C-alpha atoms as a PDB file:
ATOM      1  CA  UNK A   1     -12.001 -33.782  21.192  1.00  0.00           C
ATOM      2  CA  UNK A   2      -8.264 -33.520  22.016  1.00  0.00           C
ATOM      3  CA  UNK A   3      -7.557 -32.272  18.551  1.00  0.00           C
ATOM      4  CA  UNK A   4      -9.886 -29.236  18.819  1.00  0.00           C
ATOM      5  CA  UNK A   5      -7.358 -26.963  20.598  1.00  0.00           C
ATOM      6  CA  UNK A   6      -4.783 -27.729  18.016  1.00  0.00           C
ATOM      7  CA  UNK A   7      -7.178 -27.098  15.224  1.00  0.00           C
ATOM      8  CA  UNK A   8      -8.238 -23.749  16.733  1.00  0.00           C
ATOM      9  CA  UNK A   9      -4.568 -22.814  17.119  1.00  0.00           C
ATOM     10  CA  UNK A  10      -3.844 -23.499  13.443  1.00  0.00           C
ATOM     11  CA  UNK A  11      -6.960 -21.514  12.332  1.00  0.00           C
ATOM     12  CA  UNK A  12      -6.031 -18.634  14.525  1.00  0.00           C
ATOM     13  CA  UNK A  13      -2.503 -18.627  13.144  1.00  0.00           C
ATOM     14  CA  UNK A  14      -3.773 -18.602   9.651  1.00  0.00           C
ATOM     15  CA  UNK A  15      -6.026 -15.638  10.390  1.00  0.00           C
ATOM     16  CA  UNK A  16      -3.129 -13.690  11.986  1.00  0.00           C
ATOM     17  CA  UNK A  17      -0.694 -14.196   9.225  1.00  0.00           C
ATOM     18  CA  UNK A  18      -3.096 -13.813   6.337  1.00  0.00           C
ATOM     19  CA  UNK A  19      -3.293 -10.537   4.327  1.00  0.00           C
ATOM     20  CA  UNK A  20      -4.723  -9.217   1.109  1.00  0.00           C
ATOM     21  CA  UNK A  21      -3.039  -6.807  -1.260  1.00  0.00           C
ATOM     22  CA  UNK A  22      -4.699  -4.742  -3.946  1.00  0.00           C
ATOM     23  CA  UNK A  23      -2.709  -2.761  -6.478  1.00  0.00           C
ATOM     24  CA  UNK A  24      -4.444  -0.345  -8.862  1.00  0.00           C
ATOM     25  CA  UNK A  25      -3.162   2.195 -11.317  1.00  0.00           C
ATOM     26  CA  UNK A  26      -4.287   5.741 -10.649  1.00  0.00           C
ATOM     27  CA  UNK A  27      -3.005   7.676 -13.711  1.00  0.00           C
ATOM     28  CA  UNK A  28      -0.362   7.792 -16.464  1.00  0.00           C
ATOM     29  CA  UNK A  29       0.915  10.832 -18.318  1.00  0.00           C
ATOM     30  CA  UNK A  30       2.443  11.337 -21.692  1.00  0.00           C
ATOM     31  CA  UNK A  31       5.851  11.668 -20.053  1.00  0.00           C
ATOM     32  CA  UNK A  32       8.310   8.815 -20.900  1.00  0.00           C
ATOM     33  CA  UNK A  33       8.549   6.050 -18.341  1.00  0.00           C
ATOM     34  CA  UNK A  34      11.311   7.128 -15.916  1.00  0.00           C
ATOM     35  CA  UNK A  35      13.954   5.199 -13.985  1.00  0.00           C
ATOM     36  CA  UNK A  36      13.175   6.733 -10.604  1.00  0.00           C
ATOM     37  CA  UNK A  37      10.549   5.506  -8.205  1.00  0.00           C
ATOM     38  CA  UNK A  38       9.146   7.213  -5.091  1.00  0.00           C
ATOM     39  CA  UNK A  39       6.921   5.628  -2.426  1.00  0.00           C
ATOM     40  CA  UNK A  40       4.817   7.148   0.311  1.00  0.00           C
ATOM     41  CA  UNK A  41       3.399   4.810   2.874  1.00  0.00           C
ATOM     42  CA  UNK A  42       0.732   5.449   5.448  1.00  0.00           C
ATOM     43  CA  UNK A  43      -0.682   3.048   8.121  1.00  0.00           C
ATOM     44  CA  UNK A  44      -4.312   2.822   9.235  1.00  0.00           C
ATOM     45  CA  UNK A  45      -5.254   1.075  12.399  1.00  0.00           C
ATOM     46  CA  UNK A  46      -8.583  -0.719  12.976  1.00  0.00           C
ATOM     47  CA  UNK A  47      -9.744  -0.003   9.360  1.00  0.00           C
ATOM     48  CA  UNK A  48      -9.678   3.747   9.797  1.00  0.00           C
ATOM     49  CA  UNK A  49      -7.902   5.410   6.932  1.00  0.00           C
ATOM     50  CA  UNK A  50      -5.128   7.909   7.799  1.00  0.00           C
ATOM     51  CA  UNK A  51      -5.958  11.591   7.415  1.00  0.00           C
ATOM     52  CA  UNK A  52      -4.541  12.749   4.136  1.00  0.00           C
ATOM     53  CA  UNK A  53      -5.534  13.309   0.537  1.00  0.00           C
ATOM     54  CA  UNK A  54      -4.330  11.588  -2.555  1.00  0.00           C
ATOM     55  CA  UNK A  55      -2.807  14.752  -4.017  1.00  0.00           C
ATOM     56  CA  UNK A  56      -0.539  15.234  -1.027  1.00  0.00           C
ATOM     57  CA  UNK A  57       0.423  11.520  -1.074  1.00  0.00           C
ATOM     58  CA  UNK A  58       1.468  11.770  -4.713  1.00  0.00           C
ATOM     59  CA  UNK A  59       3.491  14.886  -4.131  1.00  0.00           C
ATOM     60  CA  UNK A  60       5.157  13.303  -1.092  1.00  0.00           C
ATOM     61  CA  UNK A  61       5.926  10.069  -3.054  1.00  0.00           C
ATOM     62  CA  UNK A  62       7.456  12.167  -5.920  1.00  0.00           C
ATOM     63  CA  UNK A  63       9.486  14.192  -3.423  1.00  0.00           C
ATOM     64  CA  UNK A  64      10.730  10.888  -1.765  1.00  0.00           C
ATOM     65  CA  UNK A  65      11.971   9.642  -5.149  1.00  0.00           C
ATOM     66  CA  UNK A  66      13.438  12.875  -6.405  1.00  0.00           C
ATOM     67  CA  UNK A  67      10.963  12.914  -9.218  1.00  0.00           C
ATOM     68  CA  UNK A  68      10.042  16.184 -11.056  1.00  0.00           C
ATOM     69  CA  UNK A  69       8.228  14.694 -14.128  1.00  0.00           C
ATOM     70  CA  UNK A  70       5.713  12.087 -13.098  1.00  0.00           C
ATOM     71  CA  UNK A  71       5.005   9.194 -15.566  1.00  0.00           C
ATOM     72  CA  UNK A  72       2.727   6.840 -13.624  1.00  0.00           C
ATOM     73  CA  UNK A  73       1.011   6.643 -10.164  1.00  0.00           C
ATOM     74  CA  UNK A  74      -0.102   3.419  -8.518  1.00  0.00           C
ATOM     75  CA  UNK A  75      -1.901   2.948  -5.291  1.00  0.00           C
ATOM     76  CA  UNK A  76      -1.297  -0.243  -3.236  1.00  0.00           C
ATOM     77  CA  UNK A  77      -3.514  -1.290  -0.279  1.00  0.00           C
ATOM     78  CA  UNK A  78      -2.508  -4.189   2.041  1.00  0.00           C
ATOM     79  CA  UNK A  79      -4.935  -5.451   4.730  1.00  0.00           C
ATOM     80  CA  UNK A  80      -3.569  -7.245   7.763  1.00  0.00           C
ATOM     81  CA  UNK A  81      -5.502  -8.276  10.778  1.00  0.00           C
ATOM     82  CA  UNK A  82      -5.972  -4.893  12.427  1.00  0.00           C
ATOM     83  CA  UNK A  83      -3.681  -2.729  10.193  1.00  0.00           C
ATOM     84  CA  UNK A  84      -4.077  -1.354   6.688  1.00  0.00           C
ATOM     85  CA  UNK A  85      -1.010  -0.146   4.699  1.00  0.00           C
ATOM     86  CA  UNK A  86      -1.532   2.397   2.031  1.00  0.00           C
ATOM     87  CA  UNK A  87       1.257   3.019  -0.488  1.00  0.00           C
ATOM     88  CA  UNK A  88       1.359   5.607  -3.270  1.00  0.00           C
ATOM     89  CA  UNK A  89       4.021   4.575  -5.840  1.00  0.00           C
ATOM     90  CA  UNK A  90       5.205   7.186  -8.395  1.00  0.00           C
ATOM     91  CA  UNK A  91       7.583   6.646 -11.261  1.00  0.00           C
ATOM     92  CA  UNK A  92       9.162   9.191 -13.515  1.00  0.00           C
ATOM     93  CA  UNK A  93      12.312  11.316 -13.936  1.00  0.00           C
END
């Protein structure tokens, strides 16, 4: 019975530091794979997605990386306890 608070503390700690990440490709073009990479990050709170569309995120990621010819676009989602981090990753020249 004395071990129960310690066990609950360990379980709570594991829940707090756990996360899940999913990375999926969105599109690829016939442009050669470039050396530049641009990232646009948005944070959602309490499982509500931030208000933006994917086209604006791709354009912003390309702008952040100084990319004019897009080769690939990837989308990365990371779930934390109450936060969700959305990243759009663009590669190209």
